[in-house]
Protein backbone atom coordinates (compact mmCIF):
# COMPACT_ATOMS: atom_id res chain seq x y z
CA MET A 1 1.67 20.12 13.30
CA SER A 2 -0.58 21.71 15.96
CA ASN A 3 -3.86 20.76 14.30
CA PRO A 4 -3.89 16.99 13.69
CA ALA A 5 -6.30 17.45 10.76
CA SER A 6 -4.41 20.27 9.04
CA ALA A 7 -3.31 19.67 5.46
CA PRO A 8 0.40 19.84 4.60
CA SER A 9 1.51 22.36 2.03
CA ALA A 10 3.13 21.50 -1.29
CA SER A 11 6.48 22.77 -0.02
CA ALA A 12 6.20 20.54 3.06
CA LEU A 13 5.65 17.50 0.85
CA ARG A 14 8.42 18.34 -1.62
CA PRO A 15 11.24 16.62 0.36
CA LEU A 16 9.09 13.50 0.74
CA ILE A 17 8.10 13.27 -2.91
CA GLY A 18 11.24 14.63 -4.51
CA VAL A 19 9.31 16.43 -7.26
CA VAL A 20 7.06 19.46 -7.58
CA VAL A 21 3.46 18.62 -6.67
CA ASP A 22 0.91 19.14 -9.44
CA ASP A 23 -2.34 18.09 -7.75
CA LEU A 24 -2.07 18.76 -4.03
CA THR A 25 -5.61 17.53 -3.36
CA LEU A 26 -4.55 13.96 -4.20
CA TYR A 27 -1.94 13.98 -1.44
CA HIS A 28 -4.30 15.60 1.03
CA ARG A 29 -6.79 12.83 0.36
CA ALA A 30 -4.08 10.16 0.66
CA LEU A 31 -3.16 11.51 4.09
CA THR A 32 -6.72 11.83 5.38
CA HIS A 33 -7.75 9.09 7.76
CA ARG A 34 -11.40 8.09 7.83
CA SER A 35 -11.69 9.34 11.42
CA CYS A 36 -11.83 12.87 9.97
CA LEU A 37 -15.10 12.06 8.21
CA ARG A 38 -16.80 11.34 11.53
CA ASP A 39 -15.72 14.58 13.15
CA PRO A 40 -18.22 17.43 12.48
CA HIS A 41 -15.52 20.03 13.13
CA ILE A 42 -13.30 18.82 10.28
CA ASP A 43 -14.20 19.93 6.77
CA VAL A 44 -13.28 16.98 4.54
CA GLU A 45 -15.32 15.00 2.04
CA HIS A 46 -13.07 12.02 1.31
CA SER A 47 -10.70 9.74 3.18
CA ASN A 48 -7.79 7.81 1.70
CA GLU A 49 -9.69 4.51 1.36
CA ARG A 50 -10.28 4.72 -2.41
CA LEU A 51 -6.65 5.59 -3.02
CA GLU A 52 -5.62 2.57 -0.95
CA TYR A 53 -7.28 0.41 -3.61
CA ILE A 54 -5.02 1.82 -6.33
CA GLY A 55 -1.93 1.79 -4.15
CA ASP A 56 -2.46 -1.84 -3.20
CA ALA A 57 -2.74 -2.88 -6.85
CA PHE A 58 0.29 -0.79 -7.86
CA LEU A 59 2.47 -2.21 -5.09
CA ASP A 60 1.31 -5.75 -5.85
CA LEU A 61 2.52 -5.43 -9.44
CA LEU A 62 5.76 -3.64 -8.55
CA VAL A 63 6.66 -6.22 -5.93
CA ALA A 64 5.61 -9.10 -8.18
CA VAL A 65 8.03 -7.99 -10.90
CA GLU A 66 10.83 -7.46 -8.37
CA LEU A 67 10.36 -10.95 -6.92
CA TYR A 68 10.05 -12.52 -10.37
CA GLU A 69 13.47 -11.12 -11.27
CA TYR A 70 15.11 -11.79 -7.90
CA PHE A 71 13.97 -15.43 -7.66
CA PRO A 72 14.24 -16.72 -11.27
CA GLU A 73 13.96 -20.40 -10.29
CA GLU A 74 10.99 -20.21 -7.90
CA ASN A 75 7.42 -21.18 -8.79
CA GLU A 76 4.20 -19.17 -8.71
CA GLY A 77 3.20 -20.35 -5.24
CA PHE A 78 6.49 -19.25 -3.70
CA LEU A 79 6.37 -15.85 -5.42
CA SER A 80 2.79 -15.29 -4.30
CA ARG A 81 3.69 -16.06 -0.69
CA MET A 82 6.64 -13.68 -0.79
CA ARG A 83 4.52 -10.92 -2.29
CA ALA A 84 1.88 -11.39 0.41
CA ARG A 85 4.56 -11.05 3.08
CA LEU A 86 5.99 -7.87 1.59
CA VAL A 87 2.74 -6.12 0.70
CA SER A 88 1.30 -6.54 4.19
CA GLU A 89 0.71 -4.37 7.22
CA THR A 90 4.07 -4.62 8.99
CA PRO A 91 6.40 -4.00 6.00
CA LEU A 92 4.18 -1.21 4.70
CA ALA A 93 3.98 0.42 8.11
CA ASN A 94 7.77 0.22 8.37
CA ALA A 95 8.07 1.88 4.96
CA ALA A 96 5.76 4.66 6.17
CA ARG A 97 7.98 5.14 9.23
CA ARG A 98 11.11 5.38 7.10
CA CYS A 99 9.71 8.38 5.25
CA ASP A 100 8.07 9.77 8.41
CA LEU A 101 4.67 9.67 6.74
CA GLY A 102 2.92 9.66 10.09
CA ARG A 103 3.76 13.28 10.74
CA TYR A 104 1.73 14.35 7.69
CA LEU A 105 -1.41 12.35 8.49
CA ARG A 106 -4.73 14.13 8.92
CA LEU A 107 -6.46 12.59 11.92
CA SER A 108 -9.38 13.45 14.10
CA PRO A 109 -8.38 14.67 17.59
CA ASN A 110 -9.67 11.39 19.00
CA ALA A 111 -7.52 9.30 16.63
CA GLU A 112 -4.57 11.57 17.37
CA ASN A 113 -4.97 11.12 21.12
CA ASN A 114 -5.17 7.34 20.65
CA GLY A 115 -1.77 7.22 18.98
CA GLY A 116 -3.04 7.06 15.40
CA ARG A 117 0.21 8.38 13.93
CA LYS A 118 2.03 5.30 15.17
CA LYS A 119 -0.59 2.61 14.51
CA PRO A 120 0.63 0.06 11.93
CA SER A 121 -2.80 -0.30 10.33
CA ILE A 122 -3.13 3.44 9.75
CA LEU A 123 0.45 3.83 8.56
CA SER A 124 0.27 0.91 6.12
CA ASP A 125 -2.97 2.20 4.60
CA ALA A 126 -1.49 5.67 4.28
CA PHE A 127 1.60 4.33 2.50
CA GLU A 128 -0.59 2.59 -0.08
CA ALA A 129 -2.75 5.67 -0.54
CA PHE A 130 0.23 8.03 -0.79
CA THR A 131 1.89 5.81 -3.40
CA ALA A 132 -1.37 5.92 -5.37
CA ALA A 133 -1.52 9.71 -5.13
CA LEU A 134 2.02 9.95 -6.45
CA TYR A 135 1.16 7.56 -9.27
CA LEU A 136 -1.90 9.59 -10.30
CA ASP A 137 -0.07 12.91 -9.97
CA GLN A 138 3.37 12.11 -11.38
CA GLY A 139 3.08 8.76 -13.13
CA HIS A 140 4.48 5.26 -12.79
CA ASP A 141 8.18 6.05 -12.50
CA ALA A 142 7.81 8.55 -9.66
CA ALA A 143 5.59 6.20 -7.67
CA ALA A 144 7.89 3.26 -8.33
CA GLN A 145 10.94 5.25 -7.23
CA PHE A 146 9.16 6.21 -3.99
CA ALA A 147 8.10 2.63 -3.26
CA ARG A 148 11.53 1.25 -4.07
CA ARG A 149 13.26 3.77 -1.82
CA TYR A 150 11.15 3.11 1.25
CA LEU A 151 9.81 -0.44 0.78
CA LEU A 152 11.90 -2.53 -1.60
CA ASP A 153 15.46 -1.24 -1.20
CA PRO A 154 15.57 -1.70 2.60
CA THR A 155 14.15 -5.24 2.37
CA ASP A 156 16.46 -8.22 2.77
CA PHE A 157 14.79 -10.81 0.54
CA SER A 158 16.81 -13.65 2.08
CA THR A 159 15.42 -12.78 5.52
CA LEU A 160 11.95 -12.37 4.04
CA VAL A 161 12.03 -15.94 2.75
CA HIS A 162 12.46 -17.35 6.24
CA ARG A 163 10.18 -14.96 8.13
CA ASN A 164 7.24 -16.82 9.67
CA ARG A 165 7.78 -19.63 7.22
CA ASN A 166 5.60 -22.70 7.59
CA TYR A 167 8.19 -25.38 6.92
CA LYS A 168 5.72 -28.21 7.45
CA SER A 169 3.55 -26.90 4.62
CA LEU A 170 6.58 -26.32 2.41
CA LEU A 171 7.87 -29.85 3.00
CA GLN A 172 4.47 -31.31 2.20
CA GLU A 173 4.21 -29.25 -1.00
CA ARG A 174 7.66 -30.36 -2.09
CA LEU A 175 6.96 -34.03 -1.43
CA GLN A 176 3.65 -33.85 -3.28
CA ALA A 177 5.41 -32.29 -6.26
CA MET A 178 7.83 -35.25 -6.22
CA ALA A 179 4.91 -37.75 -5.94
CA ARG A 180 6.26 -38.88 -2.56
CA SER A 181 4.30 -39.97 0.50
CA LEU A 182 3.26 -37.38 3.07
CA PRO A 183 5.64 -36.89 6.02
CA THR A 184 4.97 -38.27 9.49
CA TYR A 185 6.07 -36.60 12.72
CA THR A 186 7.03 -38.57 15.83
CA MET A 187 7.98 -37.17 19.22
CA VAL A 188 11.11 -39.10 20.15
CA ASP A 189 11.94 -37.33 23.39
CA ARG A 190 10.49 -34.96 25.98
CA SER A 191 12.50 -33.64 28.89
CA GLY A 192 12.28 -31.04 31.62
CA PRO A 193 9.40 -29.83 33.82
CA ASP A 194 6.04 -28.92 32.31
CA HIS A 195 6.72 -25.19 32.54
CA ASP A 196 10.08 -25.53 30.75
CA ALA A 197 9.84 -28.70 28.67
CA THR A 198 11.96 -29.55 25.64
CA PHE A 199 10.51 -31.61 22.80
CA VAL A 200 12.43 -33.56 20.18
CA VAL A 201 10.48 -34.50 17.04
CA GLU A 202 11.56 -36.57 14.07
CA VAL A 203 10.06 -36.31 10.59
CA ALA A 204 10.13 -39.30 8.24
CA VAL A 205 8.90 -40.24 4.79
CA ASP A 206 8.20 -43.88 3.98
CA GLY A 207 9.98 -44.87 7.17
CA THR A 208 13.16 -42.92 6.38
CA ALA A 209 14.08 -40.14 8.83
CA LEU A 210 14.71 -36.84 7.07
CA GLY A 211 15.12 -34.41 9.93
CA GLN A 212 14.90 -33.78 13.64
CA GLY A 213 13.86 -30.69 15.57
CA ARG A 214 14.28 -29.61 19.18
CA ALA A 215 12.21 -26.78 20.71
CA GLY A 216 10.17 -25.68 23.71
CA SER A 217 6.90 -26.85 22.14
CA LYS A 218 5.90 -29.81 20.04
CA GLN A 219 4.66 -27.54 17.23
CA LYS A 220 7.94 -25.62 17.02
CA ALA A 221 9.93 -28.85 17.14
CA GLU A 222 7.91 -30.16 14.19
CA GLN A 223 8.67 -26.97 12.25
CA GLU A 224 12.38 -27.34 13.03
CA ALA A 225 12.30 -30.96 11.91
CA ALA A 226 10.62 -30.01 8.63
CA HIS A 227 13.17 -27.24 8.10
CA GLU A 228 16.01 -29.69 8.64
CA ALA A 229 14.40 -32.10 6.17
CA ILE A 230 14.16 -29.39 3.50
CA LYS A 231 17.82 -28.44 3.99
CA ARG A 232 18.84 -32.08 3.64
CA MET A 233 16.78 -32.48 0.49
CA ASP A 234 18.32 -29.32 -0.98
CA GLY A 235 21.78 -30.64 -0.16
CA ALA A 236 21.05 -33.97 -1.86
CA LEU A 237 19.91 -32.16 -5.00
CA SER A 238 22.90 -29.79 -5.17
């Protein structure tokens, strides 16, 4: 696309959407970055920010239902954390890349020159807005099919559970739910030079050791210890 702010045609969008476009202006708005509004040489009145609002709400509900069905035994807090991880910048930007949404974006020349088509923040916003445009133009099922194809279907929920997981917080939440004392963390060993040290941390509850972690920082070792404690608790309950 020679002009970064040019609007894609209905035929160009057809392979992306999979259906015949009814209201092309919705998609043009969904693909219009706010940088276009600041450029006097680009004739646009609206960016995709309002559509982001609808897309965010739609994806929140779609993902919430998917997680509710996939994790039938988990509580509200767990489901909310998983939804927040999935409906966030990185997964949404990855979904936008899968459908090559960046190539259709309408950007100001300045945003184009600064790599706007590849920026995660711009791509994630565009994915939300485009999903909203599809919802308003074609209805729930078409938008859900699009979101499932590019966001939900490629997601490994098992990997999602463990991504950036705060095991210390999870262990504390679990112990509180069981009316148990809060865990304590003790560094039982430290070896190696300062620039390449190894820390060993033990976590205990009421004086009973539940897990031990080894890592290159005390914080990571504590997380590993908490993770080990959770696995042991799960094994005792199974």
